[in-house]
């Protein structure tokens, strides 16, 4: 069973638009997952950088 039931009847422009929307959605979801997993490490690195810059003064 295809994900888009009428895929074979769609125009080439509609197929291209569907592909672009699907790829954009996948990139957005992947980006959110990566950001969510990397956010604590980014915050920790920022705190370490602030502490080191304060020590150097």
N, C-alpha and C. Protein backbone atom coordinates (compact mmCIF):
# COMPACT_ATOMS: atom_id res chain seq x y z
N UNK A 1 0.85 -1.18 0.00
CA UNK A 1 0.00 0.00 0.00
C UNK A 1 0.89 1.25 0.00
N UNK A 2 0.76 2.09 -0.99
CA UNK A 2 1.60 3.29 -1.07
C UNK A 2 1.23 4.32 -0.01
N UNK A 3 2.20 5.13 0.35
CA UNK A 3 1.94 6.19 1.33
C UNK A 3 1.01 7.26 0.76
N UNK A 4 1.17 7.55 -0.52
CA UNK A 4 0.30 8.50 -1.20
C UNK A 4 -0.54 7.69 -2.16
N UNK A 5 -1.82 7.47 -1.85
CA UNK A 5 -2.63 6.53 -2.63
C UNK A 5 -2.75 6.87 -4.11
N UNK A 6 -2.74 8.11 -4.47
CA UNK A 6 -2.94 8.51 -5.87
C UNK A 6 -1.64 8.91 -6.55
N UNK A 7 -0.52 8.37 -6.12
CA UNK A 7 0.78 8.77 -6.63
C UNK A 7 0.87 8.63 -8.14
N UNK A 8 0.35 7.54 -8.68
CA UNK A 8 0.49 7.31 -10.13
C UNK A 8 -0.36 8.28 -10.94
N UNK A 9 -1.36 8.91 -10.33
CA UNK A 9 -2.22 9.83 -11.06
C UNK A 9 -1.82 11.29 -10.85
N UNK A 10 -0.83 11.52 -10.01
CA UNK A 10 -0.41 12.89 -9.72
C UNK A 10 0.41 13.44 -10.87
N UNK A 11 0.34 14.76 -11.03
CA UNK A 11 1.16 15.42 -12.05
C UNK A 11 2.61 15.45 -11.57
N UNK A 12 3.56 15.61 -12.48
CA UNK A 12 4.97 15.71 -12.07
C UNK A 12 5.22 16.85 -11.08
N UNK A 13 4.51 17.96 -11.25
CA UNK A 13 4.69 19.09 -10.33
C UNK A 13 4.20 18.72 -8.93
N UNK A 14 3.08 18.01 -8.87
CA UNK A 14 2.54 17.60 -7.57
C UNK A 14 3.47 16.58 -6.91
N UNK A 15 4.05 15.68 -7.70
CA UNK A 15 5.00 14.71 -7.15
C UNK A 15 6.23 15.42 -6.61
N UNK A 16 6.73 16.41 -7.36
CA UNK A 16 7.91 17.15 -6.90
C UNK A 16 7.61 17.89 -5.60
N UNK A 17 6.44 18.51 -5.54
CA UNK A 17 6.06 19.23 -4.32
C UNK A 17 5.92 18.27 -3.14
N UNK A 18 5.34 17.13 -3.37
CA UNK A 18 5.19 16.13 -2.32
C UNK A 18 6.54 15.65 -1.81
N UNK A 19 7.47 15.42 -2.74
CA UNK A 19 8.82 15.01 -2.34
C UNK A 19 9.50 16.10 -1.52
N UNK A 20 9.40 17.35 -1.97
CA UNK A 20 10.03 18.46 -1.24
C UNK A 20 9.47 18.60 0.17
N UNK A 21 8.16 18.49 0.29
CA UNK A 21 7.53 18.60 1.62
C UNK A 21 7.97 17.44 2.51
N UNK A 22 8.03 16.24 1.94
CA UNK A 22 8.46 15.07 2.72
C UNK A 22 9.90 15.18 3.18
N UNK A 23 10.77 15.64 2.29
CA UNK A 23 12.19 15.79 2.66
C UNK A 23 12.34 16.90 3.70
N UNK A 24 11.61 17.99 3.52
CA UNK A 24 11.69 19.09 4.49
C UNK A 24 11.21 18.65 5.87
N UNK A 25 10.14 17.88 5.90
CA UNK A 25 9.62 17.39 7.18
C UNK A 25 10.62 16.44 7.85
N UNK A 26 11.25 15.58 7.05
CA UNK A 26 12.23 14.65 7.61
C UNK A 26 13.44 15.40 8.16
N UNK A 27 13.91 16.41 7.43
CA UNK A 27 15.05 17.21 7.89
C UNK A 27 14.68 17.96 9.16
N UNK A 28 13.48 18.50 9.23
CA UNK A 28 13.05 19.21 10.42
C UNK A 28 12.98 18.30 11.63
N UNK A 29 12.40 17.13 11.46
CA UNK A 29 12.31 16.17 12.58
C UNK A 29 13.70 15.74 13.02
N UNK A 30 14.57 15.43 12.05
CA UNK A 30 15.93 15.02 12.38
C UNK A 30 16.69 16.14 13.09
N UNK A 31 16.51 17.36 12.63
CA UNK A 31 17.15 18.50 13.27
C UNK A 31 16.67 18.70 14.70
N UNK A 32 15.38 18.54 14.92
CA UNK A 32 14.85 18.68 16.28
C UNK A 32 15.37 17.58 17.20
N UNK A 33 15.48 16.37 16.68
CA UNK A 33 16.00 15.27 17.50
C UNK A 33 17.46 15.52 17.84
N UNK A 34 18.24 15.95 16.85
CA UNK A 34 19.66 16.22 17.11
C UNK A 34 19.83 17.39 18.07
N UNK A 35 19.04 18.44 17.87
CA UNK A 35 19.14 19.60 18.75
C UNK A 35 18.76 19.23 20.17
N UNK A 36 17.73 18.40 20.31
CA UNK A 36 17.29 18.00 21.64
C UNK A 36 18.36 17.18 22.34
N UNK A 37 19.08 16.34 21.60
CA UNK A 37 20.10 15.52 22.23
C UNK A 37 21.39 16.30 22.47
N UNK A 38 21.66 17.30 21.64
CA UNK A 38 22.89 18.08 21.79
C UNK A 38 22.74 19.31 22.69
N UNK A 39 21.52 19.70 22.98
CA UNK A 39 21.30 20.92 23.76
C UNK A 39 21.98 20.89 25.13
N UNK A 40 21.89 19.81 25.91
CA UNK A 40 22.59 19.81 27.20
C UNK A 40 24.10 19.98 27.06
N UNK A 41 24.69 19.37 26.02
CA UNK A 41 26.13 19.50 25.80
C UNK A 41 26.49 20.92 25.40
N UNK A 42 25.64 21.56 24.61
CA UNK A 42 25.90 22.93 24.21
C UNK A 42 25.82 23.87 25.41
N UNK A 43 24.86 23.64 26.30
CA UNK A 43 24.73 24.46 27.51
C UNK A 43 25.94 24.25 28.42
N UNK A 44 26.37 23.00 28.56
CA UNK A 44 27.55 22.70 29.38
C UNK A 44 28.79 23.37 28.82
N UNK A 45 28.97 23.32 27.51
CA UNK A 45 30.13 23.97 26.89
C UNK A 45 30.08 25.48 27.10
N UNK A 46 28.90 26.07 27.01
CA UNK A 46 28.76 27.51 27.23
C UNK A 46 29.09 27.89 28.67
N UNK A 47 28.65 27.09 29.62
CA UNK A 47 28.96 27.35 31.03
C UNK A 47 30.46 27.23 31.28
N UNK A 48 31.09 26.21 30.73
CA UNK A 48 32.54 26.05 30.88
C UNK A 48 33.28 27.22 30.28
N UNK A 49 32.83 27.68 29.11
CA UNK A 49 33.47 28.82 28.46
C UNK A 49 33.34 30.07 29.32
N UNK A 50 32.14 30.29 29.91
CA UNK A 50 31.95 31.45 30.79
C UNK A 50 32.87 31.36 32.01
N UNK A 51 32.99 30.18 32.59
CA UNK A 51 33.83 30.02 33.78
C UNK A 51 35.29 30.27 33.41
N UNK A 52 35.75 29.70 32.31
CA UNK A 52 37.14 29.89 31.92
C UNK A 52 37.43 31.36 31.58
N UNK A 53 36.51 32.04 30.92
CA UNK A 53 36.73 33.44 30.60
C UNK A 53 36.73 34.29 31.87
N UNK A 54 35.93 33.91 32.87
CA UNK A 54 35.92 34.64 34.14
C UNK A 54 37.21 34.41 34.90
N UNK A 55 37.76 33.21 34.85
CA UNK A 55 39.01 32.89 35.54
C UNK A 55 40.18 33.66 34.91
N UNK A 56 40.17 33.79 33.60
CA UNK A 56 41.27 34.47 32.90
C UNK A 56 41.33 35.96 33.21
N UNK A 57 40.22 36.54 33.60
CA UNK A 57 40.21 37.98 33.92
C UNK A 57 40.85 38.16 35.22
